[in-house]
Amino acid sequence: MVVRLLHRAGARRAHLHLASLAAIGLCLTLWVRAKTVDQEQRGNAERRALFVGLWPPTLWLIGDSLQETE
């Protein structure tokens, strides 16, 4: 159902795969940035990077599901 809605909205496999790769880049950027902040804020910055790091597999698999509807 969600995949059909995404397909109707114009989302394609390539879009979600690119978003997955962009999320990897964002995760790496946040992780590097976490190393530059002071000790008090480092924990939050690392958790933020790890949270974003969970997105790529989800986006990639949704893109694979969209491939079946194309």
Protein backbone atom coordinates (compact mmCIF):
# COMPACT_ATOMS: atom_id res chain seq x y z
CA MET A 1 0.00 0.00 0.00
CA VAL A 2 2.76 2.47 0.91
CA VAL A 3 4.75 1.45 -2.14
CA ARG A 4 1.75 2.11 -4.40
CA LEU A 5 1.26 5.52 -2.82
CA LEU A 6 4.91 6.40 -3.35
CA HIS A 7 4.70 5.23 -6.96
CA ARG A 8 1.58 7.35 -7.56
CA ALA A 9 3.33 10.32 -5.97
CA GLY A 10 6.11 10.02 -8.53
CA ALA A 11 8.83 8.36 -6.47
CA ARG A 12 10.98 5.99 -8.48
CA ARG A 13 13.60 3.41 -7.58
CA ALA A 14 16.48 5.68 -8.52
CA HIS A 15 15.15 8.46 -6.30
CA LEU A 16 15.15 6.28 -3.20
CA HIS A 17 18.52 4.73 -3.99
CA LEU A 18 20.01 8.21 -4.36
CA ALA A 19 18.37 9.23 -1.09
CA SER A 20 19.95 6.18 0.52
CA LEU A 21 23.40 7.18 -0.71
CA ALA A 22 22.80 10.76 0.42
CA ALA A 23 21.85 9.49 3.89
CA ILE A 24 25.18 7.66 4.05
CA GLY A 25 26.96 10.90 3.22
CA LEU A 26 24.91 12.78 5.81
CA CYS A 27 25.71 10.15 8.43
CA LEU A 28 29.44 10.40 7.73
CA THR A 29 29.27 14.19 7.83
CA LEU A 30 27.45 14.16 11.16
CA TRP A 31 29.90 11.62 12.57
CA VAL A 32 32.93 13.71 11.58
CA ARG A 33 31.25 16.82 12.92
CA ALA A 34 30.57 15.00 16.21
CA LYS A 35 34.31 14.65 16.70
CA THR A 36 34.75 18.44 16.51
CA VAL A 37 32.18 19.50 19.12
CA ASP A 38 32.93 19.79 22.81
CA GLN A 39 32.58 16.85 25.16
CA GLU A 40 29.16 17.88 26.52
CA GLN A 41 27.49 17.81 23.10
CA ARG A 42 29.43 14.90 21.63
CA GLY A 43 27.02 12.22 22.88
CA ASN A 44 24.03 13.85 21.21
CA ALA A 45 25.96 14.43 18.00
CA GLU A 46 27.06 10.79 17.83
CA ARG A 47 23.54 9.55 18.51
CA ARG A 48 22.24 11.80 15.75
CA ALA A 49 24.79 10.33 13.32
CA LEU A 50 23.84 6.78 14.31
CA PHE A 51 20.14 7.57 13.91
CA VAL A 52 20.70 8.89 10.40
CA GLY A 53 22.84 5.82 9.73
CA LEU A 54 19.75 3.65 10.12
CA TRP A 55 18.01 5.31 7.17
CA PRO A 56 20.01 3.98 4.17
CA PRO A 57 18.95 0.31 4.38
CA THR A 58 15.32 1.31 4.77
CA LEU A 59 15.39 3.70 1.84
CA TRP A 60 17.26 1.18 -0.32
CA LEU A 61 14.72 -1.58 0.38
CA ILE A 62 11.79 0.74 -0.33
CA GLY A 63 13.49 1.55 -3.64
CA ASP A 64 13.79 -2.16 -4.40
CA SER A 65 10.08 -2.55 -3.64
CA LEU A 66 9.29 0.28 -6.05
CA GLN A 67 11.23 -1.53 -8.77
CA GLU A 68 8.65 -4.30 -8.68
CA THR A 69 5.83 -1.83 -9.41
CA GLU A 70 7.59 -0.13 -12.32
